[in-house]
Protein backbone atom coordinates (compact mmCIF):
# COMPACT_ATOMS: atom_id res chain seq x y z
CA UNK A 1 0.02 0.14 0.11
CA UNK A 2 2.96 2.32 0.54
CA UNK A 3 4.08 2.14 -2.98
CA UNK A 4 0.99 3.44 -4.38
CA UNK A 5 1.29 6.65 -1.94
CA UNK A 6 4.67 6.97 -3.81
CA UNK A 7 2.86 7.87 -7.38
CA UNK A 8 0.41 9.94 -6.07
CA UNK A 9 2.16 13.34 -6.28
CA UNK A 10 3.42 12.94 -9.82
CA UNK A 11 2.80 16.03 -12.19
CA UNK A 12 2.63 17.06 -15.44
CA UNK A 13 6.52 18.05 -15.17
CA UNK A 14 7.54 14.88 -13.84
CA UNK A 15 6.28 12.97 -16.62
CA UNK A 16 7.70 15.21 -18.77
CA UNK A 17 11.27 14.73 -17.10
CA UNK A 18 10.69 11.08 -17.24
CA UNK A 19 9.42 10.85 -20.87
CA UNK A 20 12.62 13.26 -21.67
CA UNK A 21 15.19 10.93 -19.77
CA UNK A 22 13.69 7.58 -21.68
CA UNK A 23 13.63 9.81 -24.91
CA UNK A 24 17.44 10.28 -24.06
CA UNK A 25 18.07 6.47 -23.03
CA UNK A 26 16.41 4.63 -26.07
CA UNK A 27 16.31 7.30 -28.90
CA UNK A 28 13.44 8.76 -30.75
CA UNK A 29 14.04 5.61 -33.42
CA UNK A 30 13.43 2.89 -30.48
CA UNK A 31 10.65 4.05 -28.77
CA UNK A 32 8.02 3.02 -31.59
CA UNK A 33 9.61 -0.37 -31.30
CA UNK A 34 9.01 -0.43 -27.38
CA UNK A 35 5.75 0.69 -27.64
CA UNK A 36 4.64 -1.80 -30.79
CA UNK A 37 5.59 -4.35 -28.44
CA UNK A 38 4.69 -3.31 -25.21
CA UNK A 39 0.79 -2.90 -27.09
CA UNK A 40 1.42 -6.53 -28.35
CA UNK A 41 2.11 -7.53 -25.03
CA UNK A 42 -1.10 -6.23 -23.71
CA UNK A 43 -3.30 -7.77 -26.57
CA UNK A 44 -1.83 -10.90 -25.72
CA UNK A 45 -2.47 -10.75 -22.06
CA UNK A 46 -6.20 -9.70 -22.95
CA UNK A 47 -6.81 -12.50 -25.28
CA UNK A 48 -5.10 -15.01 -22.42
CA UNK A 49 -7.93 -13.53 -20.17
CA UNK A 50 -10.69 -13.82 -22.49
CA UNK A 51 -9.95 -17.38 -22.40
CA UNK A 52 -9.55 -18.36 -19.23
CA UNK A 53 -13.02 -16.27 -18.67
CA UNK A 54 -14.50 -18.30 -21.52
CA UNK A 55 -13.03 -21.80 -20.06
CA UNK A 56 -14.36 -20.77 -16.55
CA UNK A 57 -18.02 -20.19 -18.04
CA UNK A 58 -17.74 -23.38 -20.16
CA UNK A 59 -16.74 -25.10 -16.66
CA UNK A 60 -19.75 -23.39 -14.93
CA UNK A 61 -21.89 -24.71 -17.91
CA UNK A 62 -20.77 -28.05 -17.36
CA UNK A 63 -21.28 -27.87 -13.56
CA UNK A 64 -24.82 -26.71 -13.99
CA UNK A 65 -26.14 -29.15 -16.80
CA UNK A 66 -24.57 -32.29 -14.50
CA UNK A 67 -27.06 -30.95 -11.60
């Protein structure tokens, strides 16, 4: 819970400074590649969660049909 309090006071200037540092570290050409990889990871995670939800619903239907 204490770690959540750490990020409560981040303002616009802090976000801009972090973005500038990231730009300096990886450069302008690498950032789109990093964001593309991040997007693919999020999409894969969502697909996995949807599959788990579908499997749970199927199991629930099977249990109800057995009763």
